[in-house]
Amino acid sequence: MPLKTKIVLLAVLPLIATILLIAFTVRHQERELAQRQRALVEEAYMQTKQNELRHYVELALSTIKPLYESGRNDEATRQEAMRLLAAMDYGQDGYFFLYDMRGINLMHARQQDLIGKNLWELRDPSGLLVIQELIAKAKSGGGFVRYMWEKPSTKQVAPKLGYVVGLDRWEWMFGTGLYLDDIEGTMAEIDRQVTSSVAETLLLITGIALLGVAVIGICGMILNLSEHKIAYGKLRLLTHQVVQSQEDERAHLSRELHDGTSQTLVSVKLLVESGIDQLEAEGVVPPRPFSKSVGRLNDALNEVRRISHRLRPPMLDTLGVVAALRHLVDEFNHLGGMACSMVVEGEPFELPVDAKTILFRVAQEAITNASKHAFATHLEVLLEFADGGVRLSVRDDGTGFDTNAVQQHPSNGIGLRNMRERLQSVGGQCNISSRPGFTVVDARMPLEVLDRIRNTVETE
């Protein structure tokens, strides 16, 4: 595949992946927003309906208040009260209903055939004992009940919100209700609008993506890389940017683990220890799982810290590459199985951040390979500072390997290639030689390379 095509693909594929991720995120966020909007609309709607029902019931009760508070319980008084209530309605599907506490319908303005019937065992399509629920709510002081009931205007069963109160002296349950099928239509319209909005947004993102791909394609077509020096320089810069982005991501993950996950684990550990202390203060022997939990949390904390330090050791930025490499050597010494040592020659001087990072990653990869693959028993890290630059050498007495075979294999030797690419991206050198019982990784950064890295950072 031509170099030009590789570069274009290297630019296009991440762009497409990023656009797809943005599209997925936008879709997810819009759906969450729609759900929140739907919940808010439904909540506001239900609150309005509840206030409306209270008002209707209070208004209806005010018409029979003189009769109810007169103290009379005779049939004529009750019939007069029912007549007044039956005369009240509001809209085509707005009516009042009246039952006694045994479930017998005394008044129903829209379904006259129910009057006089005992509906105590009546169930709605969901299986709810409607009249029993309404009477129970009235006896408990009144309130709202959701159920299914036939809608007069359509003769179809629809969801309904009822509000009932009890007239204890007459042993009546009185109430009214509002049908909720209209809110379902409103919610369906909101869902339709959200779906349309998401589709339009995704279409726009797709258009932007296609435009971006087209622009990159055109730029790739007119790109002239006739000179090998230009091609090599571009590729080296691209490699450096990829390596730098990897380091930035490692640093970000390291900070997230240290500042987020680690702090959460510490908080959980403190809570568990506090619980143990409280149990002991009360004279209760804490269960063994509590103590084991603290131990497991300590293990998790240590593992998180170890991973965080491996991703981006803090001392690399604070104390420099010498301290970071010593810590790395000590870490592998503590793991056992391979004796590691470190020697520093010359007077250490301050290195650019990129140079420190590259040297540390090369040493980390070389030591890891010696421990995991070469089964080495001894390893030495040499860091040499001189007027001509800085040199890092990692030697071990492992099994060794065929460097040519590893370089030509498509899947093996990824770590070795990464070491070379890191150094080549800034103009450094990486030489690897190996035979049974001896392997050395030699990384060099001449003084002019260090100066160029400094100048690049200052320019940026």
Foldseek 3Di string as FASTA:
>chain_A
DDLLVVVLCVVLVVLVVVLVVVLVVVLVVLVVVLVVVLVVVVVVVVVVQQVVFVVVVVVLCVVLVVLLVVPDQDPVSVVVSQVSQLVDADDDQTHKWKDALQQATCDDNQCVVRHRDRLQQPAAPVGDRVSNVQSVQQVVAKDKDWHWDQGRVVRDIAIKIKTWHASVVNRMIMIIIDGDVVSVVVSVVSVVVSVVVSVVVSVVSVVVSVVVSVVSVVCSVPDDDPDPVVSLLVVLQVLQVVVVVQLVVLLVLLCCLVVPVLVVLVVVLVVLVVVCVVCVVVVHHDDPVSVVVNVVSVVVNVVSNVSSCVSPNPCCVVVHLVVSVVVVQVVVVVVDQAHEEEEEEDDDDDFDSLVSVLLSLLSNLVVVCCVPPFSFHYKYWYWYQDLFFIKIKIKTQGQWDDPVVQVPDPPHPPSVVSSQSSQVSLPWHWDWDIHHGMIMIMTTDTPVSRVVVVVVVVVD
